[in-house]
Protein backbone atom coordinates (compact mmCIF):
# COMPACT_ATOMS: atom_id res chain seq x y z
CA MET A 1 0.02 0.02 0.12
CA ARG A 2 2.97 2.76 0.51
CA GLY A 3 4.41 1.74 -2.53
CA VAL A 4 1.00 2.23 -4.22
CA GLN A 5 0.48 5.92 -2.56
CA ALA A 6 4.18 7.27 -3.25
CA THR A 7 3.62 6.23 -7.02
CA ALA A 8 0.67 7.96 -6.80
CA LEU A 9 2.18 11.20 -5.26
CA LEU A 10 5.01 10.98 -7.48
CA ARG A 11 2.64 11.41 -10.26
CA ASP A 12 0.54 14.01 -8.28
CA ALA A 13 4.36 16.05 -9.09
CA VAL A 14 4.16 15.21 -12.24
CA ARG A 15 1.11 15.90 -12.76
CA GLU A 16 1.40 19.34 -10.90
CA ALA A 17 4.71 20.20 -12.55
CA ALA A 18 3.11 19.28 -16.06
CA ALA A 19 0.16 22.13 -15.40
CA ARG A 20 2.96 24.87 -14.42
CA TRP A 21 3.69 27.45 -17.93
CA VAL A 22 7.18 27.67 -16.82
CA PHE A 23 8.09 24.09 -17.55
CA TRP A 24 6.20 24.20 -21.05
CA GLY A 25 8.07 27.29 -21.75
CA PHE A 26 11.28 25.09 -20.77
CA TYR A 27 9.65 22.20 -24.02
CA GLY A 28 9.10 25.31 -25.89
CA LEU A 29 12.79 26.60 -25.80
CA SER A 30 14.03 23.17 -25.99
CA THR A 31 11.83 22.42 -29.15
CA ALA A 32 12.27 25.75 -30.93
CA LEU A 33 16.23 24.74 -30.60
CA ILE A 34 15.73 21.30 -32.34
CA LEU A 35 13.56 22.58 -35.05
CA PHE A 36 16.21 25.71 -35.63
CA PHE A 37 19.22 22.88 -35.82
CA LEU A 38 16.45 20.50 -38.55
CA PHE A 39 14.80 23.28 -40.22
CA LEU A 40 16.66 26.75 -40.30
CA LEU A 41 20.85 25.66 -40.15
CA ARG A 42 21.94 23.67 -43.12
CA ILE A 43 25.39 21.96 -43.43
CA ASP A 44 27.13 20.77 -46.35
CA VAL A 45 29.80 18.02 -45.93
CA ILE A 46 32.56 18.70 -48.39
CA GLU A 47 34.39 15.41 -49.18
CA GLY A 48 33.43 14.20 -45.63
CA ALA A 49 36.04 16.18 -44.01
CA ARG A 50 34.74 19.96 -44.01
CA ALA A 51 31.71 21.29 -44.07
CA THR A 52 29.94 25.07 -44.67
CA VAL A 53 26.91 26.61 -42.75
CA THR A 54 23.87 28.37 -44.53
CA LEU A 55 21.78 30.43 -42.09
CA PHE A 56 18.79 32.93 -43.75
CA GLY A 57 20.50 32.18 -47.00
CA GLU A 58 23.97 33.48 -45.96
CA THR A 59 27.04 30.56 -46.00
CA SER A 60 30.19 31.02 -44.22
CA PRO A 61 33.14 32.00 -46.27
CA ARG A 62 35.20 29.12 -45.35
CA ALA A 63 34.84 25.48 -44.77
CA LEU A 64 35.41 24.38 -41.43
CA PRO A 65 36.88 20.35 -40.11
CA VAL A 66 33.14 18.70 -39.83
CA THR A 67 33.89 17.73 -36.33
CA ARG A 68 35.05 21.21 -35.26
CA LEU A 69 31.91 22.40 -36.74
CA VAL A 70 29.91 19.71 -34.62
CA ARG A 71 31.32 19.69 -31.28
CA GLN A 72 31.01 23.83 -31.91
CA PHE A 73 27.35 23.31 -31.92
CA GLN A 74 27.10 21.19 -29.26
CA GLY A 75 29.26 22.97 -27.05
CA GLY A 76 26.75 26.00 -27.98
CA VAL A 77 24.01 23.61 -26.97
CA ALA A 78 25.37 22.40 -23.54
CA SER A 79 25.95 25.85 -22.36
CA PHE A 80 22.81 27.30 -23.30
CA LEU A 81 21.11 23.94 -21.25
CA TYR A 82 23.78 24.10 -18.43
CA VAL A 83 23.19 27.94 -17.71
CA ALA A 84 19.78 29.15 -18.68
CA GLY A 85 17.71 25.92 -19.14
CA MET A 86 19.14 25.00 -15.31
CA GLY A 87 17.80 28.44 -13.88
CA LEU A 88 14.69 28.34 -16.07
CA ALA A 89 14.08 24.66 -14.12
CA LEU A 90 15.19 25.77 -11.16
CA PHE A 91 13.19 28.51 -11.06
CA ALA A 92 9.99 26.48 -11.92
CA SER A 93 10.95 23.84 -9.40
CA ALA A 94 10.74 26.39 -6.50
CA GLY A 95 7.21 26.99 -7.11
CA LEU A 96 6.41 23.22 -7.31
CA MET A 97 8.18 22.44 -3.47
CA ALA A 98 6.88 25.57 -1.85
CA SER A 99 3.33 24.33 -3.03
CA THR A 100 4.16 21.17 -1.03
CA PHE A 101 3.35 23.22 2.23
CA GLU A 102 0.69 25.65 1.33
CA ALA A 103 -2.50 25.48 3.43
CA GLY A 104 -4.42 22.05 2.42
CA ARG A 105 -2.24 20.67 0.37
CA ILE A 106 0.31 19.53 3.03
CA GLU A 107 -2.56 18.56 5.44
CA TRP A 108 -3.61 16.12 2.36
CA LEU A 109 -0.19 14.99 1.43
CA LEU A 110 0.05 14.36 5.16
CA SER A 111 -3.21 11.99 5.40
CA LYS A 112 -1.55 9.58 3.15
CA PRO A 113 0.08 6.51 4.45
CA VAL A 114 3.69 7.74 2.85
CA SER A 115 6.11 8.85 5.70
CA ARG A 116 7.33 12.38 5.66
CA ALA A 117 10.69 11.68 4.12
CA GLY A 118 8.77 9.64 0.93
CA ILE A 119 6.60 12.52 0.64
CA LEU A 120 8.96 15.15 0.36
CA LEU A 121 11.40 12.69 -1.74
CA CYS A 122 7.98 11.99 -3.85
CA ARG A 123 7.69 15.60 -4.47
CA TYR A 124 11.96 15.78 -5.37
CA ALA A 125 11.81 13.45 -7.75
CA GLY A 126 9.36 14.55 -9.18
CA ASN A 127 10.64 17.68 -10.19
CA VAL A 128 13.90 15.97 -11.25
CA LEU A 129 12.02 13.18 -13.65
CA VAL A 130 10.04 16.61 -15.57
CA VAL A 131 13.32 18.67 -15.80
CA ALA A 132 15.23 15.08 -16.90
CA LEU A 133 12.96 14.21 -19.53
CA ASN A 134 13.48 17.78 -21.05
CA VAL A 135 17.25 17.59 -20.94
CA CYS A 136 16.95 14.20 -22.65
CA TYR A 137 14.86 15.03 -25.10
CA LEU A 138 17.38 18.65 -26.05
CA VAL A 139 20.30 16.74 -26.08
CA PHE A 140 19.25 13.74 -27.79
CA GLY A 141 17.21 15.69 -30.58
CA VAL A 142 20.06 17.67 -31.22
CA TRP A 143 22.66 14.71 -31.18
CA LEU A 144 20.47 13.23 -34.03
CA ILE A 145 19.96 15.91 -36.20
CA LEU A 146 23.89 17.12 -36.28
CA GLY A 147 24.61 13.11 -36.46
CA TRP A 148 22.23 12.93 -39.63
CA LYS A 149 23.45 16.11 -40.97
CA THR A 150 26.69 15.53 -40.91
CA GLY A 151 27.41 11.86 -40.16
CA VAL A 152 29.56 12.49 -36.82
CA TRP A 153 28.34 10.87 -34.03
CA ASP A 154 30.12 12.48 -30.94
CA ALA A 155 28.75 10.58 -27.67
CA GLY A 156 30.57 13.14 -25.84
CA PHE A 157 27.72 15.30 -26.55
CA LEU A 158 25.30 13.10 -24.79
CA ALA A 159 27.11 13.40 -21.29
CA ALA A 160 25.76 17.24 -21.14
CA ALA A 161 22.48 15.41 -20.35
CA ALA A 162 23.87 13.60 -17.75
CA THR A 163 26.12 16.90 -16.27
CA THR A 164 23.17 19.16 -16.55
CA ILE A 165 20.23 16.56 -14.61
CA PHE A 166 23.10 15.81 -11.79
CA MET A 167 23.16 19.53 -11.08
CA PHE A 168 20.13 20.39 -10.95
CA MET A 169 19.65 17.57 -8.63
CA VAL A 170 22.63 18.82 -6.16
CA LEU A 171 21.22 22.69 -6.62
CA LEU A 172 17.51 21.05 -6.14
CA SER A 173 18.06 19.90 -2.84
CA VAL A 174 19.12 23.53 -2.02
CA VAL A 175 16.09 24.56 -3.36
CA THR A 176 14.01 21.87 -1.23
CA LEU A 177 15.86 22.48 1.76
CA ALA A 178 14.86 26.25 1.48
CA ALA A 179 11.78 25.62 0.30
CA THR A 180 10.99 23.50 3.40
CA LEU A 181 12.64 26.08 5.80
CA THR A 182 10.52 28.98 4.52
CA GLY A 183 7.76 27.83 2.35
CA SER A 184 8.95 30.72 0.06
CA SER A 185 9.14 29.86 -3.74
CA ALA A 186 11.49 33.25 -4.34
CA LEU A 187 13.88 32.55 -1.49
CA ALA A 188 14.35 29.03 -2.55
CA THR A 189 15.16 30.34 -5.74
CA MET A 190 17.41 33.23 -4.79
CA VAL A 191 19.50 30.59 -3.07
CA ALA A 192 20.20 28.54 -5.64
CA PHE A 193 20.87 31.62 -8.10
CA ALA A 194 23.18 32.84 -5.01
CA LEU A 195 25.17 29.54 -5.49
CA MET A 196 24.93 29.47 -9.29
CA VAL A 197 27.14 32.94 -9.24
CA LEU A 198 29.49 32.37 -6.27
CA SER A 199 30.69 29.26 -7.95
CA PRO A 200 32.73 30.75 -10.62
CA ILE A 201 34.21 32.86 -7.98
CA LEU A 202 35.12 30.54 -5.76
CA ALA A 203 36.56 28.47 -8.30
CA GLN A 204 39.72 31.27 -8.02
CA HIS A 205 40.49 29.96 -5.07
CA ARG A 206 43.83 29.03 -5.74
CA LEU A 207 44.53 32.99 -6.98
CA MET A 208 42.81 34.26 -4.17
CA VAL A 209 44.77 32.75 -1.12
CA LYS A 210 47.04 34.36 -2.78
CA LEU A 211 45.43 37.96 -2.81
CA LEU A 212 43.90 37.85 0.80
CA ASP A 213 46.25 38.98 3.48
CA SER A 214 45.05 37.30 6.36
CA GLU A 215 45.27 33.43 7.13
CA PHE A 216 41.84 33.47 8.74
CA TRP A 217 39.83 34.79 5.31
CA ARG A 218 41.69 32.10 3.44
CA ASP A 219 40.71 29.19 5.27
CA VAL A 220 37.30 30.59 5.26
CA TRP A 221 37.55 31.13 1.49
CA ARG A 222 39.11 27.01 1.25
CA ALA A 223 35.93 26.01 3.47
CA LEU A 224 33.57 27.72 1.16
CA TYR A 225 35.07 26.39 -2.13
CA TYR A 226 34.90 23.13 -0.81
CA LEU A 227 31.73 22.91 1.00
CA LEU A 228 29.55 24.39 -1.87
CA PRO A 229 28.66 22.73 -4.93
CA LYS A 230 31.28 23.18 -7.58
CA VAL A 231 28.62 24.48 -10.34
CA TYR A 232 31.42 25.67 -12.42
CA GLU A 233 33.61 23.46 -12.62
CA VAL A 234 31.22 20.77 -13.12
CA GLY A 235 30.65 22.47 -16.27
CA ARG A 236 34.06 22.19 -17.60
CA ILE A 237 34.04 19.25 -16.95
CA ASN A 238 31.36 19.02 -18.98
CA MET A 239 32.95 20.96 -22.19
CA LEU A 240 36.00 18.91 -21.43
CA LEU A 241 33.83 15.59 -22.34
CA ILE A 242 32.21 17.49 -25.23
CA ARG A 243 35.52 18.02 -26.95
CA ASP A 244 36.86 14.46 -26.15
CA ARG A 245 39.79 15.75 -23.63
CA ALA A 246 40.69 14.11 -20.17
CA VAL A 247 39.37 15.29 -17.41
CA GLU A 248 42.41 15.98 -14.84
CA SER A 249 40.13 15.76 -11.45
CA TRP A 250 36.38 14.28 -10.77
CA MET A 251 36.45 15.96 -7.34
CA PRO A 252 33.91 18.60 -8.49
CA VAL A 253 31.79 15.83 -9.16
CA TRP A 254 31.58 14.18 -5.81
CA SER A 255 32.15 16.58 -3.85
CA SER A 256 29.10 18.53 -5.13
CA ALA A 257 27.17 14.92 -4.64
CA LEU A 258 27.92 14.96 -1.30
CA PHE A 259 26.98 18.24 -0.56
CA GLY A 260 23.21 17.23 -2.15
CA VAL A 261 23.06 13.90 -0.33
CA ALA A 262 23.71 15.75 3.07
CA VAL A 263 21.48 19.18 2.18
CA LEU A 264 18.69 17.14 1.08
CA ALA A 265 18.71 14.59 3.99
CA ALA A 266 18.53 17.88 6.26
CA ALA A 267 15.69 19.01 4.29
CA VAL A 268 13.54 15.49 5.12
CA ILE A 269 15.20 15.84 9.08
CA ALA A 270 13.11 19.27 9.00
CA PHE A 271 10.25 17.88 7.28
CA SER A 272 9.80 15.57 9.76
CA ARG A 273 10.32 17.46 12.98
CA ARG A 274 7.81 20.70 11.77
CA ASP A 275 4.21 20.85 13.08
CA TYR A 276 1.55 21.74 10.89
């Protein structure tokens, strides 16, 4: 019975997400990008090695190596998805997580024979599922179109789906905790976006520890760098995988994963102890 109820709660979260226009806007942007590559962008391959691009009737003045051209397009799509797409997904998800604690809905959820941890995790999983489907839709769609037009089937681009979904899950744990503690979607969004903005700044820790004149502030900077999610560094790993280059360190991935697990666990504990 609990499994059936948990599935029903997950389905309810997916339905509520589907009813929000922001999520449909995300799908609309993905579809527009896919249609751009399918109909508006023409790629002419020359002797299987080089290619020219025609856009809105204008042809590129010189031919580029096919593989390089494809990776440039893939890098652009991956960057758009990782920054703009994930930001839009977090904005939409904050409202969905905060609605969990609205009067009337929270009482209905708590009446179900499912633990509070199960309720919160089902809402979290529903968000992840909806966003993951959208991300895969965009990445696989662009990958198939570029492969069909150029004959270059670069599997490294598929990593863009995995890295974007992974970092979304990490930041969604922050949104979940903020929404659990405050019930405010605006504050939850602001906290997640603040982490995205701070990440490239904290990533300069090697430079900053040389510039800071106090050992105390150097330790603070190091602590923030190692504790907070590495949004910027995971994005760089994403680009390295697309360009088929070696990744020197996977520390940004596993440290961000530990952060996400810890924050999500804190959200579950906070929800379990809160009175309604």
